[in-house]
Amino acid sequence: MASIEDRIRQLVDENLEVVGRPLGRPLDLTTNLIAAGVSSMDTVAFMQLVAKEFNVAIPPEECSKIRSVGMLIEYLDNQAE
């Protein structure tokens, strides 16, 4: 079974266009998604996709705190405990 990080990286590759990142190049987990050119609407849609994929609830107040892919992975890790 793929790790949370691997699954999130795959979802990012399939669903988000990150400015300045060539296709196939690994995403820096500390990259702020909004600063990387991902619109707020795309970020919200991505969070909904992740919630569905991992069968977790991500309340709006938590979504607003999650600024990077690394923070999202950490959030999901904490939900799995």
PDB file of N, CA and C in Angstrom:
ATOM      1  N   MET A   1       0.838  -1.176   0.000  1.00  0.00           N
ATOM      2  CA  MET A   1       0.000   0.000   0.000  1.00  0.00           C
ATOM      3  C   MET A   1       0.888   1.246   0.000  1.00  0.00           C
ATOM      4  N   ALA A   2       0.531   2.213  -0.791  1.00  0.00           N
ATOM      5  CA  ALA A   2       1.313   3.441  -0.904  1.00  0.00           C
ATOM      6  C   ALA A   2       1.175   4.278   0.359  1.00  0.00           C
ATOM      7  N   SER A   3       2.241   4.989   0.692  1.00  0.00           N
ATOM      8  CA  SER A   3       2.206   5.862   1.865  1.00  0.00           C
ATOM      9  C   SER A   3       1.299   7.061   1.586  1.00  0.00           C
ATOM     10  N   ILE A   4       0.946   7.756   2.653  1.00  0.00           N
ATOM     11  CA  ILE A   4       0.140   8.967   2.502  1.00  0.00           C
ATOM     12  C   ILE A   4       0.861   9.954   1.596  1.00  0.00           C
ATOM     13  N   GLU A   5       2.155  10.131   1.818  1.00  0.00           N
ATOM     14  CA  GLU A   5       2.921  11.068   0.988  1.00  0.00           C
ATOM     15  C   GLU A   5       2.876  10.673  -0.480  1.00  0.00           C
ATOM     16  N   ASP A   6       3.070   9.400  -0.774  1.00  0.00           N
ATOM     17  CA  ASP A   6       3.039   8.942  -2.166  1.00  0.00           C
ATOM     18  C   ASP A   6       1.671   9.188  -2.798  1.00  0.00           C
ATOM     19  N   ARG A   7       0.620   8.911  -2.054  1.00  0.00           N
ATOM     20  CA  ARG A   7      -0.737   9.106  -2.578  1.00  0.00           C
ATOM     21  C   ARG A   7      -1.027  10.587  -2.822  1.00  0.00           C
ATOM     22  N   ILE A   8      -0.590  11.442  -1.878  1.00  0.00           N
ATOM     23  CA  ILE A   8      -0.799  12.884  -2.048  1.00  0.00           C
ATOM     24  C   ILE A   8      -0.003  13.396  -3.240  1.00  0.00           C
ATOM     25  N   ARG A   9       1.244  12.973  -3.376  1.00  0.00           N
ATOM     26  CA  ARG A   9       2.053  13.402  -4.524  1.00  0.00           C
ATOM     27  C   ARG A   9       1.368  13.027  -5.841  1.00  0.00           C
ATOM     28  N   GLN A  10       0.805  11.829  -5.887  1.00  0.00           N
ATOM     29  CA  GLN A  10       0.105  11.384  -7.093  1.00  0.00           C
ATOM     30  C   GLN A  10      -1.116  12.254  -7.360  1.00  0.00           C
ATOM     31  N   LEU A  11      -1.881  12.561  -6.315  1.00  0.00           N
ATOM     32  CA  LEU A  11      -3.056  13.417  -6.482  1.00  0.00           C
ATOM     33  C   LEU A  11      -2.665  14.812  -6.945  1.00  0.00           C
ATOM     34  N   VAL A  12      -1.578  15.346  -6.406  1.00  0.00           N
ATOM     35  CA  VAL A  12      -1.090  16.660  -6.849  1.00  0.00           C
ATOM     36  C   VAL A  12      -0.733  16.593  -8.324  1.00  0.00           C
ATOM     37  N   ASP A  13       0.029  15.571  -8.704  1.00  0.00           N
ATOM     38  CA  ASP A  13       0.448  15.432 -10.109  1.00  0.00           C
ATOM     39  C   ASP A  13      -0.742  15.326 -11.050  1.00  0.00           C
ATOM     40  N   GLU A  14      -1.788  14.655 -10.608  1.00  0.00           N
ATOM     41  CA  GLU A  14      -2.954  14.429 -11.461  1.00  0.00           C
ATOM     42  C   GLU A  14      -3.932  15.602 -11.478  1.00  0.00           C
ATOM     43  N   ASN A  15      -3.892  16.455 -10.439  1.00  0.00           N
ATOM     44  CA  ASN A  15      -4.968  17.435 -10.281  1.00  0.00           C
ATOM     45  C   ASN A  15      -4.557  18.894 -10.144  1.00  0.00           C
ATOM     46  N   LEU A  16      -3.298  19.171  -9.864  1.00  0.00           N
ATOM     47  CA  LEU A  16      -2.882  20.561  -9.656  1.00  0.00           C
ATOM     48  C   LEU A  16      -1.742  20.942 -10.583  1.00  0.00           C
ATOM     49  N   GLU A  17      -1.827  22.137 -11.113  1.00  0.00           N
ATOM     50  CA  GLU A  17      -0.729  22.687 -11.896  1.00  0.00           C
ATOM     51  C   GLU A  17       0.013  23.673 -11.002  1.00  0.00           C
ATOM     52  N   VAL A  18       1.249  23.319 -10.660  1.00  0.00           N
ATOM     53  CA  VAL A  18       2.057  24.156  -9.790  1.00  0.00           C
ATOM     54  C   VAL A  18       3.048  24.922 -10.661  1.00  0.00           C
ATOM     55  N   VAL A  19       2.944  26.242 -10.631  1.00  0.00           N
ATOM     56  CA  VAL A  19       3.791  27.105 -11.454  1.00  0.00           C
ATOM     57  C   VAL A  19       5.253  26.881 -11.106  1.00  0.00           C
ATOM     58  N   GLY A  20       6.073  26.742 -12.138  1.00  0.00           N
ATOM     59  CA  GLY A  20       7.506  26.613 -11.944  1.00  0.00           C
ATOM     60  C   GLY A  20       7.993  25.209 -11.663  1.00  0.00           C
ATOM     61  N   ARG A  21       7.102  24.245 -11.657  1.00  0.00           N
ATOM     62  CA  ARG A  21       7.511  22.864 -11.408  1.00  0.00           C
ATOM     63  C   ARG A  21       7.337  22.063 -12.683  1.00  0.00           C
ATOM     64  N   PRO A  22       8.460  21.653 -13.285  1.00  0.00           N
ATOM     65  CA  PRO A  22       8.346  20.834 -14.492  1.00  0.00           C
ATOM     66  C   PRO A  22       7.640  19.511 -14.194  1.00  0.00           C
ATOM     67  N   LEU A  23       6.889  19.027 -15.167  1.00  0.00           N
ATOM     68  CA  LEU A  23       6.213  17.743 -15.003  1.00  0.00           C
ATOM     69  C   LEU A  23       7.223  16.662 -14.655  1.00  0.00           C
ATOM     70  N   GLY A  24       6.850  15.817 -13.748  1.00  0.00           N
ATOM     71  CA  GLY A  24       7.700  14.711 -13.343  1.00  0.00           C
ATOM     72  C   GLY A  24       8.689  15.057 -12.256  1.00  0.00           C
ATOM     73  N   ARG A  25       8.872  16.346 -11.981  1.00  0.00           N
ATOM     74  CA  ARG A  25       9.800  16.740 -10.925  1.00  0.00           C
ATOM     75  C   ARG A  25       9.052  16.707  -9.597  1.00  0.00           C
ATOM     76  N   PRO A  26       9.661  16.111  -8.576  1.00  0.00           N
ATOM     77  CA  PRO A  26       8.979  16.025  -7.281  1.00  0.00           C
ATOM     78  C   PRO A  26       8.653  17.408  -6.721  1.00  0.00           C
ATOM     79  N   LEU A  27       7.518  17.495  -6.091  1.00  0.00           N
ATOM     80  CA  LEU A  27       7.062  18.727  -5.478  1.00  0.00           C
ATOM     81  C   LEU A  27       7.762  18.920  -4.145  1.00  0.00           C
ATOM     82  N   ASP A  28       8.271  20.134  -3.909  1.00  0.00           N
ATOM     83  CA  ASP A  28       8.834  20.485  -2.612  1.00  0.00           C
ATOM     84  C   ASP A  28       7.662  20.560  -1.635  1.00  0.00           C
ATOM     85  N   LEU A  29       7.681  19.735  -0.606  1.00  0.00           N
ATOM     86  CA  LEU A  29       6.557  19.636   0.314  1.00  0.00           C
ATOM     87  C   LEU A  29       6.323  20.906   1.122  1.00  0.00           C
ATOM     88  N   THR A  30       7.302  21.809   1.154  1.00  0.00           N
ATOM     89  CA  THR A  30       7.136  23.053   1.910  1.00  0.00           C
ATOM     90  C   THR A  30       6.570  24.177   1.055  1.00  0.00           C
ATOM     91  N   THR A  31       6.382  23.932  -0.227  1.00  0.00           N
ATOM     92  CA  THR A  31       5.869  24.954  -1.131  1.00  0.00           C
ATOM     93  C   THR A  31       4.457  25.368  -0.745  1.00  0.00           C
ATOM     94  N   ASN A  32       4.256  26.661  -0.570  1.00  0.00           N
ATOM     95  CA  ASN A  32       2.932  27.204  -0.310  1.00  0.00           C
ATOM     96  C   ASN A  32       2.158  27.120  -1.623  1.00  0.00           C
ATOM     97  N   LEU A  33       1.027  26.432  -1.613  1.00  0.00           N
ATOM     98  CA  LEU A  33       0.283  26.198  -2.852  1.00  0.00           C
ATOM     99  C   LEU A  33      -0.235  27.488  -3.480  1.00  0.00           C
ATOM    100  N   ILE A  34      -0.729  28.409  -2.671  1.00  0.00           N
ATOM    101  CA  ILE A  34      -1.233  29.666  -3.214  1.00  0.00           C
ATOM    102  C   ILE A  34      -0.083  30.451  -3.842  1.00  0.00           C
ATOM    103  N   ALA A  35       1.058  30.498  -3.161  1.00  0.00           N
ATOM    104  CA  ALA A  35       2.224  31.204  -3.695  1.00  0.00           C
ATOM    105  C   ALA A  35       2.742  30.529  -4.967  1.00  0.00           C
ATOM    106  N   ALA A  36       2.474  29.247  -5.119  1.00  0.00           N
ATOM    107  CA  ALA A  36       2.927  28.507  -6.299  1.00  0.00           C
ATOM    108  C   ALA A  36       1.942  28.621  -7.455  1.00  0.00           C
ATOM    109  N   GLY A  37       0.934  29.475  -7.306  1.00  0.00           N
ATOM    110  CA  GLY A  37       0.025  29.719  -8.414  1.00  0.00           C
ATOM    111  C   GLY A  37      -1.234  28.889  -8.434  1.00  0.00           C
ATOM    112  N   VAL A  38      -1.480  28.092  -7.391  1.00  0.00           N
ATOM    113  CA  VAL A  38      -2.702  27.305  -7.326  1.00  0.00           C
ATOM    114  C   VAL A  38      -3.797  28.230  -6.787  1.00  0.00           C
ATOM    115  N   SER A  39      -4.873  28.377  -7.534  1.00  0.00           N
ATOM    116  CA  SER A  39      -5.946  29.285  -7.112  1.00  0.00           C
ATOM    117  C   SER A  39      -6.612  28.764  -5.843  1.00  0.00           C
ATOM    118  N   SER A  40      -7.247  29.673  -5.119  1.00  0.00           N
ATOM    119  CA  SER A  40      -7.938  29.269  -3.894  1.00  0.00           C
ATOM    120  C   SER A  40      -9.074  28.292  -4.210  1.00  0.00           C
ATOM    121  N   MET A  41      -9.732  28.486  -5.340  1.00  0.00           N
ATOM    122  CA  MET A  41     -10.807  27.553  -5.732  1.00  0.00           C
ATOM    123  C   MET A  41     -10.245  26.166  -6.016  1.00  0.00           C
ATOM    124  N   ASP A  42      -9.100  26.105  -6.705  1.00  0.00           N
ATOM    125  CA  ASP A  42      -8.468  24.818  -6.974  1.00  0.00           C
ATOM    126  C   ASP A  42      -7.996  24.160  -5.686  1.00  0.00           C
ATOM    127  N   THR A  43      -7.517  24.979  -4.747  1.00  0.00           N
ATOM    128  CA  THR A  43      -7.070  24.450  -3.458  1.00  0.00           C
ATOM    129  C   THR A  43      -8.245  23.834  -2.701  1.00  0.00           C
ATOM    130  N   VAL A  44      -9.375  24.525  -2.674  1.00  0.00           N
ATOM    131  CA  VAL A  44     -10.572  23.999  -1.997  1.00  0.00           C
ATOM    132  C   VAL A  44     -11.032  22.703  -2.662  1.00  0.00           C
ATOM    133  N   ALA A  45     -11.074  22.685  -3.981  1.00  0.00           N
ATOM    134  CA  ALA A  45     -11.478  21.474  -4.702  1.00  0.00           C
ATOM    135  C   ALA A  45     -10.509  20.327  -4.420  1.00  0.00           C
ATOM    136  N   PHE A  46      -9.219  20.646  -4.342  1.00  0.00           N
ATOM    137  CA  PHE A  46      -8.214  19.620  -4.055  1.00  0.00           C
ATOM    138  C   PHE A  46      -8.407  19.064  -2.650  1.00  0.00           C
ATOM    139  N   MET A  47      -8.695  19.932  -1.684  1.00  0.00           N
ATOM    140  CA  MET A  47      -8.920  19.477  -0.310  1.00  0.00           C
ATOM    141  C   MET A  47     -10.140  18.556  -0.249  1.00  0.00           C
ATOM    142  N   GLN A  48     -11.178  18.869  -1.017  1.00  0.00           N
ATOM    143  CA  GLN A  48     -12.370  18.013  -1.064  1.00  0.00           C
ATOM    144  C   GLN A  48     -12.023  16.657  -1.667  1.00  0.00           C
ATOM    145  N   LEU A  49     -11.206  16.673  -2.704  1.00  0.00           N
ATOM    146  CA  LEU A  49     -10.768  15.425  -3.329  1.00  0.00           C
ATOM    147  C   LEU A  49      -9.966  14.581  -2.341  1.00  0.00           C
ATOM    148  N   VAL A  50      -9.055  15.214  -1.622  1.00  0.00           N
ATOM    149  CA  VAL A  50      -8.236  14.508  -0.635  1.00  0.00           C
ATOM    150  C   VAL A  50      -9.115  13.939   0.475  1.00  0.00           C
ATOM    151  N   ALA A  51     -10.075  14.727   0.954  1.00  0.00           N
ATOM    152  CA  ALA A  51     -10.976  14.251   2.010  1.00  0.00           C
ATOM    153  C   ALA A  51     -11.718  13.002   1.555  1.00  0.00           C
ATOM    154  N   LYS A  52     -12.186  13.021   0.322  1.00  0.00           N
ATOM    155  CA  LYS A  52     -12.893  11.858  -0.222  1.00  0.00           C
ATOM    156  C   LYS A  52     -11.952  10.665  -0.378  1.00  0.00           C
ATOM    157  N   GLU A  53     -10.769  10.908  -0.928  1.00  0.00           N
ATOM    158  CA  GLU A  53      -9.782   9.849  -1.163  1.00  0.00           C
ATOM    159  C   GLU A  53      -9.364   9.158   0.139  1.00  0.00           C
ATOM    160  N   PHE A  54      -9.193   9.946   1.203  1.00  0.00           N
ATOM    161  CA  PHE A  54      -8.719   9.400   2.471  1.00  0.00           C
ATOM    162  C   PHE A  54      -9.850   9.151   3.469  1.00  0.00           C
ATOM    163  N   ASN A  55     -11.083   9.431   3.048  1.00  0.00           N
ATOM    164  CA  ASN A  55     -12.256   9.198   3.885  1.00  0.00           C
ATOM    165  C   ASN A  55     -12.123   9.901   5.244  1.00  0.00           C
ATOM    166  N   VAL A  56     -11.777  11.187   5.177  1.00  0.00           N
ATOM    167  CA  VAL A  56     -11.668  12.016   6.375  1.00  0.00           C
ATOM    168  C   VAL A  56     -12.428  13.317   6.137  1.00  0.00           C
ATOM    169  N   ALA A  57     -12.763  13.960   7.243  1.00  0.00           N
ATOM    170  CA  ALA A  57     -13.359  15.286   7.151  1.00  0.00           C
ATOM    171  C   ALA A  57     -12.256  16.314   7.364  1.00  0.00           C
ATOM    172  N   ILE A  58     -12.225  17.315   6.506  1.00  0.00           N
ATOM    173  CA  ILE A  58     -11.294  18.420   6.688  1.00  0.00           C
ATOM    174  C   ILE A  58     -12.154  19.675   6.826  1.00  0.00           C
ATOM    175  N   PRO A  59     -12.421  20.076   8.078  1.00  0.00           N
ATOM    176  CA  PRO A  59     -13.274  21.246   8.297  1.00  0.00           C
ATOM    177  C   PRO A  59     -12.670  22.498   7.665  1.00  0.00           C
ATOM    178  N   PRO A  60     -13.522  23.449   7.272  1.00  0.00           N
ATOM    179  CA  PRO A  60     -13.032  24.676   6.636  1.00  0.00           C
ATOM    180  C   PRO A  60     -11.958  25.396   7.449  1.00  0.00           C
ATOM    181  N   GLU A  61     -12.109  25.409   8.780  1.00  0.00           N
ATOM    182  CA  GLU A  61     -11.098  26.093   9.593  1.00  0.00           C
ATOM    183  C   GLU A  61      -9.742  25.394   9.526  1.00  0.00           C
ATOM    184  N   GLU A  62      -9.739  24.085   9.316  1.00  0.00           N
ATOM    185  CA  GLU A  62      -8.484  23.355   9.143  1.00  0.00           C
ATOM    186  C   GLU A  62      -7.916  23.592   7.743  1.00  0.00           C
ATOM    187  N   CYS A  63      -8.790  23.629   6.744  1.00  0.00           N
ATOM    188  CA  CYS A  63      -8.338  23.890   5.371  1.00  0.00           C
ATOM    189  C   CYS A  63      -7.585  25.207   5.283  1.00  0.00           C
ATOM    190  N   SER A  64      -8.077  26.208   5.991  1.00  0.00           N
ATOM    191  CA  SER A  64      -7.433  27.519   5.921  1.00  0.00           C
ATOM    192  C   SER A  64      -6.063  27.526   6.585  1.00  0.00           C
ATOM    193  N   LYS A  65      -5.800  26.562   7.471  1.00  0.00           N
ATOM    194  CA  LYS A  65      -4.499  26.461   8.140  1.00  0.00           C
ATOM    195  C   LYS A  65      -3.484  25.670   7.309  1.00  0.00           C
ATOM    196  N   ILE A  66      -3.974  24.828   6.428  1.00  0.00           N
ATOM    197  CA  ILE A  66      -3.098  23.963   5.632  1.00  0.00           C
ATOM    198  C   ILE A  66      -2.596  24.758   4.433  1.00  0.00           C
ATOM    199  N   ARG A  67      -1.329  25.122   4.455  1.00  0.00           N
ATOM    200  CA  ARG A  67      -0.758  25.990   3.426  1.00  0.00           C
ATOM    201  C   ARG A  67       0.124  25.250   2.413  1.00  0.00           C
ATOM    202  N   SER A  68       0.593  24.064   2.786  1.00  0.00           N
ATOM    203  CA  SER A  68       1.512  23.336   1.905  1.00  0.00           C
ATOM    204  C   SER A  68       1.127  21.863   1.863  1.00  0.00           C
ATOM    205  N   VAL A  69       1.708  21.169   0.919  1.00  0.00           N
ATOM    206  CA  VAL A  69       1.459  19.729   0.802  1.00  0.00           C
ATOM    207  C   VAL A  69       1.991  19.009   2.037  1.00  0.00           C
ATOM    208  N   GLY A  70       3.127  19.462   2.552  1.00  0.00           N
ATOM    209  CA  GLY A  70       3.690  18.861   3.757  1.00  0.00           C
ATOM    210  C   GLY A  70       2.747  18.990   4.945  1.00  0.00           C
ATOM    211  N   MET A  71       2.117  20.157   5.079  1.00  0.00           N
ATOM    212  CA  MET A  71       1.153  20.362   6.160  1.00  0.00           C
ATOM    213  C   MET A  71      -0.063  19.460   5.979  1.00  0.00           C
ATOM    214  N   LEU A  72      -0.481  19.254   4.742  1.00  0.00           N
ATOM    215  CA  LEU A  72      -1.607  18.363   4.454  1.00  0.00           C
ATOM    216  C   LEU A  72      -1.259  16.929   4.835  1.00  0.00           C
ATOM    217  N   ILE A  73      -0.064  16.491   4.494  1.00  0.00           N
ATOM    218  CA  ILE A  73       0.376  15.134   4.841  1.00  0.00           C
ATOM    219  C   ILE A  73       0.409  14.969   6.361  1.00  0.00           C
ATOM    220  N   GLU A  74       0.922  15.977   7.054  1.00  0.00           N
ATOM    221  CA  GLU A  74       0.968  15.941   8.517  1.00  0.00           C
ATOM    222  C   GLU A  74      -0.449  15.858   9.096  1.00  0.00           C
ATOM    223  N   TYR A  75      -1.376  16.635   8.544  1.00  0.00           N
ATOM    224  CA  TYR A  75      -2.769  16.597   8.995  1.00  0.00           C
ATOM    225  C   TYR A  75      -3.347  15.187   8.820  1.00  0.00           C
ATOM    226  N   LEU A  76      -3.116  14.594   7.655  1.00  0.00           N
ATOM    227  CA  LEU A  76      -3.655  13.258   7.385  1.00  0.00           C
ATOM    228  C   LEU A  76      -3.008  12.208   8.284  1.00  0.00           C
ATOM    229  N   ASP A  77      -1.705  12.340   8.534  1.00  0.00           N
ATOM    230  CA  ASP A  77      -1.027  11.434   9.451  1.00  0.00           C
ATOM    231  C   ASP A  77      -1.663  11.499  10.841  1.00  0.00           C
ATOM    232  N   ASN A  78      -1.964  12.711  11.295  1.00  0.00           N
ATOM    233  CA  ASN A  78      -2.583  12.883  12.619  1.00  0.00           C
ATOM    234  C   ASN A  78      -3.990  12.301  12.663  1.00  0.00           C
ATOM    235  N   GLN A  79      -4.718  12.367  11.544  1.00  0.00           N
ATOM    236  CA  GLN A  79      -6.063  11.806  11.502  1.00  0.00           C
ATOM    237  C   GLN A  79      -6.029  10.277  11.554  1.00  0.00           C
ATOM    238  N   ALA A  80      -4.952   9.687  11.051  1.00  0.00           N
ATOM    239  CA  ALA A  80      -4.841   8.230  11.002  1.00  0.00           C
ATOM    240  C   ALA A  80      -4.505   7.621  12.367  1.00  0.00           C
ATOM    241  N   GLU A  81      -4.034   8.446  13.288  1.00  0.00           N
ATOM    242  CA  GLU A  81      -3.623   7.926  14.605  1.00  0.00           C
ATOM    243  C   GLU A  81      -4.796   7.584  15.469  1.00  0.00           C
TER     244      GLU A  81
END
